[in-house]
Amino acid sequence: MKHLELSRGVIAESLQIIESLRTTIGVRR
């Protein structure tokens, strides 16, 4: 169960990073 929680956290972090990257790209454009 711990492994599943860890993977969930990693997915949430990656999603946040992708969102921030999208916003930076949008601002640059």
PDB file of N, CA and C in Angstrom:
ATOM      1  N   MET A   1       0.851  -1.200   0.000  1.00  0.00           N
ATOM      2  CA  MET A   1       0.000   0.000   0.000  1.00  0.00           C
ATOM      3  C   MET A   1       0.891   1.258   0.000  1.00  0.00           C
ATOM      4  N   LYS A   2       1.977   1.195   0.728  1.00  0.00           N
ATOM      5  CA  LYS A   2       2.864   2.367   0.784  1.00  0.00           C
ATOM      6  C   LYS A   2       3.382   2.704  -0.611  1.00  0.00           C
ATOM      7  N   HIS A   3       3.708   1.653  -1.380  1.00  0.00           N
ATOM      8  CA  HIS A   3       4.242   1.882  -2.735  1.00  0.00           C
ATOM      9  C   HIS A   3       3.207   2.632  -3.577  1.00  0.00           C
ATOM     10  N   LEU A   4       1.937   2.258  -3.436  1.00  0.00           N
ATOM     11  CA  LEU A   4       0.876   2.914  -4.211  1.00  0.00           C
ATOM     12  C   LEU A   4       0.787   4.390  -3.818  1.00  0.00           C
ATOM     13  N   GLU A   5       0.866   4.672  -2.533  1.00  0.00           N
ATOM     14  CA  GLU A   5       0.800   6.062  -2.069  1.00  0.00           C
ATOM     15  C   GLU A   5       1.968   6.857  -2.634  1.00  0.00           C
ATOM     16  N   LEU A   6       3.151   6.232  -2.626  1.00  0.00           N
ATOM     17  CA  LEU A   6       4.347   6.919  -3.119  1.00  0.00           C
ATOM     18  C   LEU A   6       4.173   7.263  -4.593  1.00  0.00           C
ATOM     19  N   SER A   7       3.706   6.302  -5.381  1.00  0.00           N
ATOM     20  CA  SER A   7       3.519   6.547  -6.825  1.00  0.00           C
ATOM     21  C   SER A   7       2.494   7.662  -7.026  1.00  0.00           C
ATOM     22  N   ARG A   8       1.458   7.675  -6.193  1.00  0.00           N
ATOM     23  CA  ARG A   8       0.431   8.727  -6.318  1.00  0.00           C
ATOM     24  C   ARG A   8       1.066  10.089  -6.081  1.00  0.00           C
ATOM     25  N   GLY A   9       1.912  10.171  -5.067  1.00  0.00           N
ATOM     26  CA  GLY A   9       2.582  11.443  -4.770  1.00  0.00           C
ATOM     27  C   GLY A   9       3.450  11.880  -5.941  1.00  0.00           C
ATOM     28  N   VAL A  10       4.164  10.925  -6.533  1.00  0.00           N
ATOM     29  CA  VAL A  10       5.043  11.257  -7.666  1.00  0.00           C
ATOM     30  C   VAL A  10       4.206  11.760  -8.836  1.00  0.00           C
ATOM     31  N   ILE A  11       3.071  11.119  -9.079  1.00  0.00           N
ATOM     32  CA  ILE A  11       2.194  11.535 -10.188  1.00  0.00           C
ATOM     33  C   ILE A  11       1.675  12.952  -9.925  1.00  0.00           C
ATOM     34  N   ALA A  12       1.265  13.224  -8.700  1.00  0.00           N
ATOM     35  CA  ALA A  12       0.741  14.553  -8.370  1.00  0.00           C
ATOM     36  C   ALA A  12       1.833  15.601  -8.578  1.00  0.00           C
ATOM     37  N   GLU A  13       3.067  15.287  -8.149  1.00  0.00           N
ATOM     38  CA  GLU A  13       4.179  16.238  -8.316  1.00  0.00           C
ATOM     39  C   GLU A  13       4.443  16.491  -9.787  1.00  0.00           C
ATOM     40  N   SER A  14       4.487  15.421 -10.576  1.00  0.00           N
ATOM     41  CA  SER A  14       4.766  15.568 -12.015  1.00  0.00           C
ATOM     42  C   SER A  14       3.659  16.395 -12.667  1.00  0.00           C
ATOM     43  N   LEU A  15       2.405  16.179 -12.243  1.00  0.00           N
ATOM     44  CA  LEU A  15       1.289  16.942 -12.821  1.00  0.00           C
ATOM     45  C   LEU A  15       1.461  18.425 -12.500  1.00  0.00           C
ATOM     46  N   GLN A  16       1.876  18.731 -11.266  1.00  0.00           N
ATOM     47  CA  GLN A  16       2.072  20.131 -10.883  1.00  0.00           C
ATOM     48  C   GLN A  16       3.186  20.748 -11.715  1.00  0.00           C
ATOM     49  N   ILE A  17       4.276  19.988 -11.923  1.00  0.00           N
ATOM     50  CA  ILE A  17       5.408  20.494 -12.714  1.00  0.00           C
ATOM     51  C   ILE A  17       4.947  20.772 -14.142  1.00  0.00           C
ATOM     52  N   ILE A  18       4.167  19.855 -14.704  1.00  0.00           N
ATOM     53  CA  ILE A  18       3.674  20.027 -16.082  1.00  0.00           C
ATOM     54  C   ILE A  18       2.802  21.285 -16.155  1.00  0.00           C
ATOM     55  N   GLU A  19       1.968  21.498 -15.156  1.00  0.00           N
ATOM     56  CA  GLU A  19       1.091  22.678 -15.164  1.00  0.00           C
ATOM     57  C   GLU A  19       1.923  23.951 -15.115  1.00  0.00           C
ATOM     58  N   SER A  20       2.935  23.985 -14.247  1.00  0.00           N
ATOM     59  CA  SER A  20       3.797  25.171 -14.141  1.00  0.00           C
ATOM     60  C   SER A  20       4.524  25.405 -15.460  1.00  0.00           C
ATOM     61  N   LEU A  21       5.007  24.323 -16.076  1.00  0.00           N
ATOM     62  CA  LEU A  21       5.703  24.464 -17.364  1.00  0.00           C
ATOM     63  C   LEU A  21       4.739  25.019 -18.411  1.00  0.00           C
ATOM     64  N   ARG A  22       3.516  24.548 -18.414  1.00  0.00           N
ATOM     65  CA  ARG A  22       2.516  25.032 -19.386  1.00  0.00           C
ATOM     66  C   ARG A  22       2.278  26.519 -19.188  1.00  0.00           C
ATOM     67  N   THR A  23       2.160  26.954 -17.935  1.00  0.00           N
ATOM     68  CA  THR A  23       1.906  28.373 -17.661  1.00  0.00           C
ATOM     69  C   THR A  23       3.095  29.212 -18.133  1.00  0.00           C
ATOM     70  N   THR A  24       4.316  28.746 -17.876  1.00  0.00           N
ATOM     71  CA  THR A  24       5.506  29.499 -18.293  1.00  0.00           C
ATOM     72  C   THR A  24       5.546  29.589 -19.810  1.00  0.00           C
ATOM     73  N   ILE A  25       5.220  28.498 -20.484  1.00  0.00           N
ATOM     74  CA  ILE A  25       5.218  28.493 -21.959  1.00  0.00           C
ATOM     75  C   ILE A  25       4.152  29.465 -22.464  1.00  0.00           C
ATOM     76  N   GLY A  26       2.978  29.444 -21.841  1.00  0.00           N
ATOM     77  CA  GLY A  26       1.901  30.341 -22.264  1.00  0.00           C
ATOM     78  C   GLY A  26       2.310  31.794 -22.077  1.00  0.00           C
ATOM     79  N   VAL A  27       2.988  32.107 -20.965  1.00  0.00           N
ATOM     80  CA  VAL A  27       3.421  33.491 -20.710  1.00  0.00           C
ATOM     81  C   VAL A  27       4.460  33.891 -21.753  1.00  0.00           C
ATOM     82  N   ARG A  28       5.364  32.980 -22.080  1.00  0.00           N
ATOM     83  CA  ARG A  28       6.404  33.284 -23.076  1.00  0.00           C
ATOM     84  C   ARG A  28       5.765  33.601 -24.424  1.00  0.00           C
ATOM     85  N   ARG A  29       4.730  32.836 -24.789  1.00  0.00           N
ATOM     86  CA  ARG A  29       4.064  33.083 -26.072  1.00  0.00           C
ATOM     87  C   ARG A  29       3.313  34.411 -25.983  1.00  0.00           C
TER      88      ARG A  29
END
